[in-house]
Protein backbone atom coordinates (compact mmCIF):
# COMPACT_ATOMS: atom_id res chain seq x y z
CA UNK A 1 0.00 0.00 0.00
CA UNK A 2 1.20 3.53 -0.68
CA UNK A 3 0.81 6.36 1.84
CA UNK A 4 2.28 9.67 2.83
CA UNK A 5 4.19 8.92 6.02
CA UNK A 6 5.47 11.94 7.94
CA UNK A 7 8.71 10.97 9.71
CA UNK A 8 9.79 14.50 10.66
CA UNK A 9 8.15 17.93 10.53
CA UNK A 10 8.05 19.27 6.96
CA UNK A 11 8.18 22.80 5.52
CA UNK A 12 5.27 22.30 3.13
CA UNK A 13 3.38 19.94 0.79
CA UNK A 14 6.29 19.90 -1.67
CA UNK A 15 8.35 18.01 0.91
CA UNK A 16 5.86 15.12 1.22
CA UNK A 17 6.93 11.71 -0.09
CA UNK A 18 4.90 8.61 -0.84
CA UNK A 19 6.09 5.44 0.94
CA UNK A 20 5.20 1.77 0.64
CA UNK A 21 3.75 0.45 3.90
CA UNK A 22 2.06 -2.83 4.89
CA UNK A 23 -1.70 -3.06 4.27
CA UNK A 24 -3.43 -2.60 7.64
CA UNK A 25 -6.06 -4.96 9.07
CA UNK A 26 -9.33 -3.52 10.37
CA UNK A 27 -9.42 -3.59 14.19
CA UNK A 28 -12.61 -3.67 16.26
CA UNK A 29 -14.89 -0.83 15.24
CA UNK A 30 -12.88 0.00 12.10
CA UNK A 31 -13.23 -0.34 8.34
CA UNK A 32 -10.49 -0.83 5.76
CA UNK A 33 -10.98 1.38 2.71
CA UNK A 34 -9.21 1.06 -0.65
CA UNK A 35 -8.57 4.72 -1.41
CA UNK A 36 -9.21 5.82 -4.98
CA UNK A 37 -8.39 9.49 -4.48
CA UNK A 38 -7.09 11.67 -1.68
CA UNK A 39 -6.67 15.38 -1.16
CA UNK A 40 -4.28 17.54 0.80
CA UNK A 41 -6.13 20.28 2.64
CA UNK A 42 -5.16 23.10 5.00
CA UNK A 43 -5.47 20.76 8.00
CA UNK A 44 -2.89 18.42 6.43
CA UNK A 45 -0.49 21.29 5.67
CA UNK A 46 -0.63 22.37 9.33
CA UNK A 47 -0.18 18.77 10.53
CA UNK A 48 2.95 18.07 8.46
CA UNK A 49 4.56 21.28 9.74
CA UNK A 50 3.73 20.53 13.39
CA UNK A 51 1.58 23.68 13.54
CA UNK A 52 -1.82 22.10 14.22
CA UNK A 53 -3.09 22.34 17.82
CA UNK A 54 -2.80 18.55 18.15
CA UNK A 55 0.57 17.09 17.17
CA UNK A 56 0.56 13.36 16.44
CA UNK A 57 3.57 11.29 17.44
CA UNK A 58 6.05 10.81 14.61
CA UNK A 59 5.90 8.92 12.32
CA UNK A 60 2.25 9.23 11.28
CA UNK A 61 0.27 8.54 8.12
CA UNK A 62 -1.31 11.58 6.54
CA UNK A 63 -4.81 11.76 5.11
CA UNK A 64 -8.05 13.31 6.26
CA UNK A 65 -9.82 13.62 2.89
CA UNK A 66 -10.33 10.60 0.68
CA UNK A 67 -12.84 8.57 -1.28
CA UNK A 68 -12.82 4.87 -1.94
CA UNK A 69 -14.41 1.47 -1.41
CA UNK A 70 -14.81 -0.43 1.85
CA UNK A 71 -12.89 -3.70 1.46
CA UNK A 72 -12.92 -5.03 5.04
CA UNK A 73 -15.12 -4.67 8.10
CA UNK A 74 -13.81 -5.58 11.54
CA UNK A 75 -14.93 -9.06 12.68
CA UNK A 76 -16.81 -7.58 15.66
CA UNK A 77 -18.97 -5.46 13.33
CA UNK A 78 -20.15 -8.15 10.89
PDB file of N, CA and C in Angstrom:
ATOM      1  N   UNK A   1       0.848  -1.159   0.000  1.00  0.00           N
ATOM      2  CA  UNK A   1       0.000   0.000   0.000  1.00  0.00           C
ATOM      3  C   UNK A   1       0.899   1.229   0.000  1.00  0.00           C
ATOM      4  N   UNK A   2       0.440   2.284  -0.644  1.00  0.00           N
ATOM      5  CA  UNK A   2       1.195   3.533  -0.675  1.00  0.00           C
ATOM      6  C   UNK A   2       0.514   4.557   0.224  1.00  0.00           C
ATOM      7  N   UNK A   3       1.331   5.337   0.933  1.00  0.00           N
ATOM      8  CA  UNK A   3       0.807   6.357   1.843  1.00  0.00           C
ATOM      9  C   UNK A   3       1.844   7.448   2.030  1.00  0.00           C
ATOM     10  N   UNK A   4       1.371   8.608   2.435  1.00  0.00           N
ATOM     11  CA  UNK A   4       2.281   9.672   2.831  1.00  0.00           C
ATOM     12  C   UNK A   4       2.554   9.484   4.314  1.00  0.00           C
ATOM     13  N   UNK A   5       3.790   9.133   4.635  1.00  0.00           N
ATOM     14  CA  UNK A   5       4.193   8.917   6.024  1.00  0.00           C
ATOM     15  C   UNK A   5       5.098  10.073   6.427  1.00  0.00           C
ATOM     16  N   UNK A   6       4.694  10.801   7.453  1.00  0.00           N
ATOM     17  CA  UNK A   6       5.470  11.940   7.935  1.00  0.00           C
ATOM     18  C   UNK A   6       6.394  11.426   9.037  1.00  0.00           C
ATOM     19  N   UNK A   7       7.707  11.474   8.765  1.00  0.00           N
ATOM     20  CA  UNK A   7       8.712  10.966   9.713  1.00  0.00           C
ATOM     21  C   UNK A   7       9.366  12.095  10.501  1.00  0.00           C
ATOM     22  N   UNK A   8       9.290  13.312   9.975  1.00  0.00           N
ATOM     23  CA  UNK A   8       9.791  14.500  10.657  1.00  0.00           C
ATOM     24  C   UNK A   8       8.948  15.678  10.176  1.00  0.00           C
ATOM     25  N   UNK A   9       8.959  16.781  10.912  1.00  0.00           N
ATOM     26  CA  UNK A   9       8.148  17.935  10.528  1.00  0.00           C
ATOM     27  C   UNK A   9       8.659  18.497   9.206  1.00  0.00           C
ATOM     28  N   UNK A  10       7.728  18.828   8.312  1.00  0.00           N
ATOM     29  CA  UNK A  10       8.054  19.273   6.959  1.00  0.00           C
ATOM     30  C   UNK A  10       7.783  20.762   6.804  1.00  0.00           C
ATOM     31  N   UNK A  11       8.395  21.379   5.781  1.00  0.00           N
ATOM     32  CA  UNK A  11       8.180  22.798   5.517  1.00  0.00           C
ATOM     33  C   UNK A  11       6.882  23.054   4.759  1.00  0.00           C
ATOM     34  N   UNK A  12       6.479  22.097   3.915  1.00  0.00           N
ATOM     35  CA  UNK A  12       5.270  22.296   3.134  1.00  0.00           C
ATOM     36  C   UNK A  12       4.939  21.063   2.324  1.00  0.00           C
ATOM     37  N   UNK A  13       3.829  21.098   1.572  1.00  0.00           N
ATOM     38  CA  UNK A  13       3.378  19.941   0.793  1.00  0.00           C
ATOM     39  C   UNK A  13       4.408  19.436  -0.211  1.00  0.00           C
ATOM     40  N   UNK A  14       5.270  20.315  -0.711  1.00  0.00           N
ATOM     41  CA  UNK A  14       6.287  19.902  -1.671  1.00  0.00           C
ATOM     42  C   UNK A  14       7.323  18.953  -1.086  1.00  0.00           C
ATOM     43  N   UNK A  15       7.397  18.889   0.240  1.00  0.00           N
ATOM     44  CA  UNK A  15       8.353  18.006   0.908  1.00  0.00           C
ATOM     45  C   UNK A  15       7.771  16.613   1.208  1.00  0.00           C
ATOM     46  N   UNK A  16       6.491  16.411   0.926  1.00  0.00           N
ATOM     47  CA  UNK A  16       5.862  15.117   1.215  1.00  0.00           C
ATOM     48  C   UNK A  16       6.369  14.056   0.244  1.00  0.00           C
ATOM     49  N   UNK A  17       6.504  12.835   0.745  1.00  0.00           N
ATOM     50  CA  UNK A  17       6.934  11.713  -0.089  1.00  0.00           C
ATOM     51  C   UNK A  17       5.995  10.534   0.134  1.00  0.00           C
ATOM     52  N   UNK A  18       5.738   9.807  -0.921  1.00  0.00           N
ATOM     53  CA  UNK A  18       4.903   8.609  -0.837  1.00  0.00           C
ATOM     54  C   UNK A  18       5.797   7.432  -0.481  1.00  0.00           C
ATOM     55  N   UNK A  19       5.351   6.622   0.479  1.00  0.00           N
ATOM     56  CA  UNK A  19       6.090   5.445   0.936  1.00  0.00           C
ATOM     57  C   UNK A  19       5.238   4.194   0.755  1.00  0.00           C
ATOM     58  N   UNK A  20       5.894   3.059   0.625  1.00  0.00           N
ATOM     59  CA  UNK A  20       5.197   1.772   0.636  1.00  0.00           C
ATOM     60  C   UNK A  20       5.139   1.291   2.077  1.00  0.00           C
ATOM     61  N   UNK A  21       3.933   0.954   2.539  1.00  0.00           N
ATOM     62  CA  UNK A  21       3.749   0.451   3.897  1.00  0.00           C
ATOM     63  C   UNK A  21       2.877  -0.800   3.834  1.00  0.00           C
ATOM     64  N   UNK A  22       2.908  -1.644   4.887  1.00  0.00           N
ATOM     65  CA  UNK A  22       2.058  -2.830   4.888  1.00  0.00           C
ATOM     66  C   UNK A  22       0.568  -2.450   4.883  1.00  0.00           C
ATOM     67  N   UNK A  23      -0.251  -3.278   4.267  1.00  0.00           N
ATOM     68  CA  UNK A  23      -1.697  -3.062   4.274  1.00  0.00           C
ATOM     69  C   UNK A  23      -2.211  -3.333   5.685  1.00  0.00           C
ATOM     70  N   UNK A  24      -2.922  -2.387   6.290  1.00  0.00           N
ATOM     71  CA  UNK A  24      -3.426  -2.604   7.645  1.00  0.00           C
ATOM     72  C   UNK A  24      -4.595  -3.585   7.660  1.00  0.00           C
ATOM     73  N   UNK A  25      -4.901  -4.089   8.846  1.00  0.00           N
ATOM     74  CA  UNK A  25      -6.060  -4.965   9.067  1.00  0.00           C
ATOM     75  C   UNK A  25      -7.030  -4.188   9.934  1.00  0.00           C
ATOM     76  N   UNK A  26      -8.320  -4.239   9.603  1.00  0.00           N
ATOM     77  CA  UNK A  26      -9.331  -3.518  10.367  1.00  0.00           C
ATOM     78  C   UNK A  26      -9.420  -4.090  11.785  1.00  0.00           C
ATOM     79  N   UNK A  27      -9.276  -3.211  12.791  1.00  0.00           N
ATOM     80  CA  UNK A  27      -9.425  -3.587  14.195  1.00  0.00           C
ATOM     81  C   UNK A  27     -10.889  -3.417  14.580  1.00  0.00           C
ATOM     82  N   UNK A  28     -11.233  -3.807  15.799  1.00  0.00           N
ATOM     83  CA  UNK A  28     -12.612  -3.667  16.262  1.00  0.00           C
ATOM     84  C   UNK A  28     -13.116  -2.243  16.070  1.00  0.00           C
ATOM     85  N   UNK A  29     -14.277  -2.122  15.461  1.00  0.00           N
ATOM     86  CA  UNK A  29     -14.893  -0.825  15.238  1.00  0.00           C
ATOM     87  C   UNK A  29     -14.333  -0.055  14.059  1.00  0.00           C
ATOM     88  N   UNK A  30     -13.493  -0.686  13.242  1.00  0.00           N
ATOM     89  CA  UNK A  30     -12.880  -0.002  12.097  1.00  0.00           C
ATOM     90  C   UNK A  30     -13.276  -0.633  10.771  1.00  0.00           C
ATOM     91  N   UNK A  31     -13.070   0.120   9.710  1.00  0.00           N
ATOM     92  CA  UNK A  31     -13.227  -0.343   8.339  1.00  0.00           C
ATOM     93  C   UNK A  31     -11.891  -0.186   7.628  1.00  0.00           C
ATOM     94  N   UNK A  32     -11.642  -1.011   6.639  1.00  0.00           N
ATOM     95  CA  UNK A  32     -10.487  -0.825   5.762  1.00  0.00           C
ATOM     96  C   UNK A  32     -11.032  -0.349   4.428  1.00  0.00           C
ATOM     97  N   UNK A  33     -10.501   0.764   3.941  1.00  0.00           N
ATOM     98  CA  UNK A  33     -10.981   1.380   2.707  1.00  0.00           C
ATOM     99  C   UNK A  33      -9.855   1.394   1.681  1.00  0.00           C
ATOM    100  N   UNK A  34     -10.145   0.927   0.467  1.00  0.00           N
ATOM    101  CA  UNK A  34      -9.214   1.063  -0.649  1.00  0.00           C
ATOM    102  C   UNK A  34      -9.429   2.467  -1.202  1.00  0.00           C
ATOM    103  N   UNK A  35      -8.447   3.309  -1.032  1.00  0.00           N
ATOM    104  CA  UNK A  35      -8.572   4.717  -1.408  1.00  0.00           C
ATOM    105  C   UNK A  35      -8.349   4.872  -2.908  1.00  0.00           C
ATOM    106  N   UNK A  36      -9.313   5.526  -3.553  1.00  0.00           N
ATOM    107  CA  UNK A  36      -9.207   5.816  -4.984  1.00  0.00           C
ATOM    108  C   UNK A  36      -8.628   7.197  -5.236  1.00  0.00           C
ATOM    109  N   UNK A  37      -8.946   8.145  -4.351  1.00  0.00           N
ATOM    110  CA  UNK A  37      -8.392   9.492  -4.484  1.00  0.00           C
ATOM    111  C   UNK A  37      -8.289  10.117  -3.100  1.00  0.00           C
ATOM    112  N   UNK A  38      -7.308  10.990  -2.955  1.00  0.00           N
ATOM    113  CA  UNK A  38      -7.090  11.671  -1.677  1.00  0.00           C
ATOM    114  C   UNK A  38      -6.692  13.112  -1.951  1.00  0.00           C
ATOM    115  N   UNK A  39      -7.023  13.970  -1.027  1.00  0.00           N
ATOM    116  CA  UNK A  39      -6.672  15.377  -1.164  1.00  0.00           C
ATOM    117  C   UNK A  39      -5.773  15.822  -0.029  1.00  0.00           C
ATOM    118  N   UNK A  40      -5.071  16.903  -0.252  1.00  0.00           N
ATOM    119  CA  UNK A  40      -4.282  17.538   0.797  1.00  0.00           C
ATOM    120  C   UNK A  40      -4.955  18.873   1.074  1.00  0.00           C
ATOM    121  N   UNK A  41      -5.429  19.050   2.298  1.00  0.00           N
ATOM    122  CA  UNK A  41      -6.127  20.285   2.640  1.00  0.00           C
ATOM    123  C   UNK A  41      -5.328  21.094   3.654  1.00  0.00           C
ATOM    124  N   UNK A  42      -5.872  22.207   4.087  1.00  0.00           N
ATOM    125  CA  UNK A  42      -5.160  23.099   5.002  1.00  0.00           C
ATOM    126  C   UNK A  42      -4.811  22.392   6.307  1.00  0.00           C
ATOM    127  N   UNK A  43      -5.711  21.563   6.793  1.00  0.00           N
ATOM    128  CA  UNK A  43      -5.465  20.760   7.995  1.00  0.00           C
ATOM    129  C   UNK A  43      -4.195  19.922   7.830  1.00  0.00           C
ATOM    130  N   UNK A  44      -4.059  19.246   6.692  1.00  0.00           N
ATOM    131  CA  UNK A  44      -2.886  18.418   6.430  1.00  0.00           C
ATOM    132  C   UNK A  44      -1.606  19.248   6.395  1.00  0.00           C
ATOM    133  N   UNK A  45      -1.667  20.424   5.768  1.00  0.00           N
ATOM    134  CA  UNK A  45      -0.495  21.294   5.674  1.00  0.00           C
ATOM    135  C   UNK A  45      -0.037  21.709   7.074  1.00  0.00           C
ATOM    136  N   UNK A  46      -0.983  22.029   7.947  1.00  0.00           N
ATOM    137  CA  UNK A  46      -0.627  22.367   9.327  1.00  0.00           C
ATOM    138  C   UNK A  46      -0.053  21.157  10.059  1.00  0.00           C
ATOM    139  N   UNK A  47      -0.641  19.986   9.853  1.00  0.00           N
ATOM    140  CA  UNK A  47      -0.180  18.766  10.533  1.00  0.00           C
ATOM    141  C   UNK A  47       1.258  18.428  10.160  1.00  0.00           C
ATOM    142  N   UNK A  48       1.593  18.479   8.872  1.00  0.00           N
ATOM    143  CA  UNK A  48       2.946  18.073   8.459  1.00  0.00           C
ATOM    144  C   UNK A  48       4.017  19.041   8.950  1.00  0.00           C
ATOM    145  N   UNK A  49       3.614  20.279   9.250  1.00  0.00           N
ATOM    146  CA  UNK A  49       4.558  21.281   9.744  1.00  0.00           C
ATOM    147  C   UNK A  49       4.622  21.314  11.266  1.00  0.00           C
ATOM    148  N   UNK A  50       3.767  20.507  11.929  1.00  0.00           N
ATOM    149  CA  UNK A  50       3.728  20.525  13.389  1.00  0.00           C
ATOM    150  C   UNK A  50       3.078  21.771  13.943  1.00  0.00           C
ATOM    151  N   UNK A  51       2.205  22.420  13.134  1.00  0.00           N
ATOM    152  CA  UNK A  51       1.579  23.676  13.536  1.00  0.00           C
ATOM    153  C   UNK A  51       0.106  23.527  13.902  1.00  0.00           C
ATOM    154  N   UNK A  52      -0.427  22.324  13.826  1.00  0.00           N
ATOM    155  CA  UNK A  52      -1.821  22.103  14.225  1.00  0.00           C
ATOM    156  C   UNK A  52      -1.867  22.003  15.741  1.00  0.00           C
ATOM    157  N   UNK A  53      -3.012  22.326  16.357  1.00  0.00           N
ATOM    158  CA  UNK A  53      -3.087  22.339  17.816  1.00  0.00           C
ATOM    159  C   UNK A  53      -2.852  20.966  18.444  1.00  0.00           C
ATOM    160  N   UNK A  54      -3.091  19.911  17.697  1.00  0.00           N
ATOM    161  CA  UNK A  54      -2.796  18.551  18.153  1.00  0.00           C
ATOM    162  C   UNK A  54      -1.656  18.036  17.285  1.00  0.00           C
ATOM    163  N   UNK A  55      -0.577  17.601  17.919  1.00  0.00           N
ATOM    164  CA  UNK A  55       0.571  17.086  17.166  1.00  0.00           C
ATOM    165  C   UNK A  55       0.655  15.579  17.368  1.00  0.00           C
ATOM    166  N   UNK A  56       0.432  14.804  16.306  1.00  0.00           N
ATOM    167  CA  UNK A  56       0.557  13.357  16.439  1.00  0.00           C
ATOM    168  C   UNK A  56       2.009  12.952  16.642  1.00  0.00           C
ATOM    169  N   UNK A  57       2.214  11.812  17.269  1.00  0.00           N
ATOM    170  CA  UNK A  57       3.569  11.292  17.440  1.00  0.00           C
ATOM    171  C   UNK A  57       4.119  10.905  16.067  1.00  0.00           C
ATOM    172  N   UNK A  58       5.393  11.194  15.850  1.00  0.00           N
ATOM    173  CA  UNK A  58       6.053  10.811  14.606  1.00  0.00           C
ATOM    174  C   UNK A  58       6.493   9.363  14.686  1.00  0.00           C
ATOM    175  N   UNK A  59       6.473   8.610  13.632  1.00  0.00           N
ATOM    176  CA  UNK A  59       5.903   8.919  12.319  1.00  0.00           C
ATOM    177  C   UNK A  59       4.384   8.732  12.337  1.00  0.00           C
ATOM    178  N   UNK A  60       3.693   9.422  11.434  1.00  0.00           N
ATOM    179  CA  UNK A  60       2.246   9.230  11.275  1.00  0.00           C
ATOM    180  C   UNK A  60       1.886   9.240   9.799  1.00  0.00           C
ATOM    181  N   UNK A  61       0.756   8.626   9.500  1.00  0.00           N
ATOM    182  CA  UNK A  61       0.269   8.539   8.122  1.00  0.00           C
ATOM    183  C   UNK A  61      -0.721   9.666   7.893  1.00  0.00           C
ATOM    184  N   UNK A  62      -0.498  10.416   6.859  1.00  0.00           N
ATOM    185  CA  UNK A  62      -1.309  11.584   6.544  1.00  0.00           C
ATOM    186  C   UNK A  62      -2.559  11.185   5.770  1.00  0.00           C
ATOM    187  N   UNK A  63      -3.621  11.945   5.940  1.00  0.00           N
ATOM    188  CA  UNK A  63      -4.807  11.759   5.106  1.00  0.00           C
ATOM    189  C   UNK A  63      -6.106  11.933   5.849  1.00  0.00           C
ATOM    190  N   UNK A  64      -6.758  13.055   5.637  1.00  0.00           N
ATOM    191  CA  UNK A  64      -8.053  13.311   6.259  1.00  0.00           C
ATOM    192  C   UNK A  64      -9.175  13.331   5.224  1.00  0.00           C
ATOM    193  N   UNK A  65      -8.833  13.568   3.967  1.00  0.00           N
ATOM    194  CA  UNK A  65      -9.821  13.622   2.889  1.00  0.00           C
ATOM    195  C   UNK A  65      -9.533  12.520   1.886  1.00  0.00           C
ATOM    196  N   UNK A  66     -10.518  11.662   1.663  1.00  0.00           N
ATOM    197  CA  UNK A  66     -10.325  10.598   0.677  1.00  0.00           C
ATOM    198  C   UNK A  66     -11.673  10.052   0.251  1.00  0.00           C
ATOM    199  N   UNK A  67     -11.665   9.318  -0.855  1.00  0.00           N
ATOM    200  CA  UNK A  67     -12.842   8.567  -1.278  1.00  0.00           C
ATOM    201  C   UNK A  67     -12.363   7.202  -1.734  1.00  0.00           C
ATOM    202  N   UNK A  68     -13.216   6.214  -1.557  1.00  0.00           N
ATOM    203  CA  UNK A  68     -12.822   4.866  -1.940  1.00  0.00           C
ATOM    204  C   UNK A  68     -13.906   3.856  -1.653  1.00  0.00           C
ATOM    205  N   UNK A  69     -13.497   2.595  -1.574  1.00  0.00           N
ATOM    206  CA  UNK A  69     -14.414   1.471  -1.410  1.00  0.00           C
ATOM    207  C   UNK A  69     -14.045   0.692  -0.157  1.00  0.00           C
ATOM    208  N   UNK A  70     -15.039   0.382   0.664  1.00  0.00           N
ATOM    209  CA  UNK A  70     -14.809  -0.429   1.855  1.00  0.00           C
ATOM    210  C   UNK A  70     -14.474  -1.847   1.397  1.00  0.00           C
ATOM    211  N   UNK A  71     -13.332  -2.374   1.854  1.00  0.00           N
ATOM    212  CA  UNK A  71     -12.894  -3.701   1.461  1.00  0.00           C
ATOM    213  C   UNK A  71     -12.855  -4.679   2.634  1.00  0.00           C
ATOM    214  N   UNK A  72     -12.927  -4.163   3.865  1.00  0.00           N
ATOM    215  CA  UNK A  72     -12.924  -5.034   5.038  1.00  0.00           C
ATOM    216  C   UNK A  72     -13.649  -4.342   6.187  1.00  0.00           C
ATOM    217  N   UNK A  73     -14.444  -5.130   6.888  1.00  0.00           N
ATOM    218  CA  UNK A  73     -15.125  -4.665   8.099  1.00  0.00           C
ATOM    219  C   UNK A  73     -14.586  -5.482   9.257  1.00  0.00           C
ATOM    220  N   UNK A  74     -14.373  -4.848  10.402  1.00  0.00           N
ATOM    221  CA  UNK A  74     -13.812  -5.579  11.543  1.00  0.00           C
ATOM    222  C   UNK A  74     -14.725  -6.757  11.899  1.00  0.00           C
ATOM    223  N   UNK A  75     -14.143  -7.860  12.352  1.00  0.00           N
ATOM    224  CA  UNK A  75     -14.930  -9.060  12.681  1.00  0.00           C
ATOM    225  C   UNK A  75     -16.030  -8.784  13.705  1.00  0.00           C
ATOM    226  N   UNK A  76     -15.799  -7.852  14.636  1.00  0.00           N
ATOM    227  CA  UNK A  76     -16.811  -7.576  15.661  1.00  0.00           C
ATOM    228  C   UNK A  76     -18.011  -6.817  15.107  1.00  0.00           C
ATOM    229  N   UNK A  77     -17.895  -6.267  13.904  1.00  0.00           N
ATOM    230  CA  UNK A  77     -18.969  -5.455  13.327  1.00  0.00           C
ATOM    231  C   UNK A  77     -19.746  -6.169  12.219  1.00  0.00           C
ATOM    232  N   UNK A  78     -19.428  -7.456  11.959  1.00  0.00           N
ATOM    233  CA  UNK A  78     -20.148  -8.147  10.889  1.00  0.00           C
ATOM    234  C   UNK A  78     -21.362  -8.861  11.420  1.00  0.00           C
TER     235      UNK A  78
END
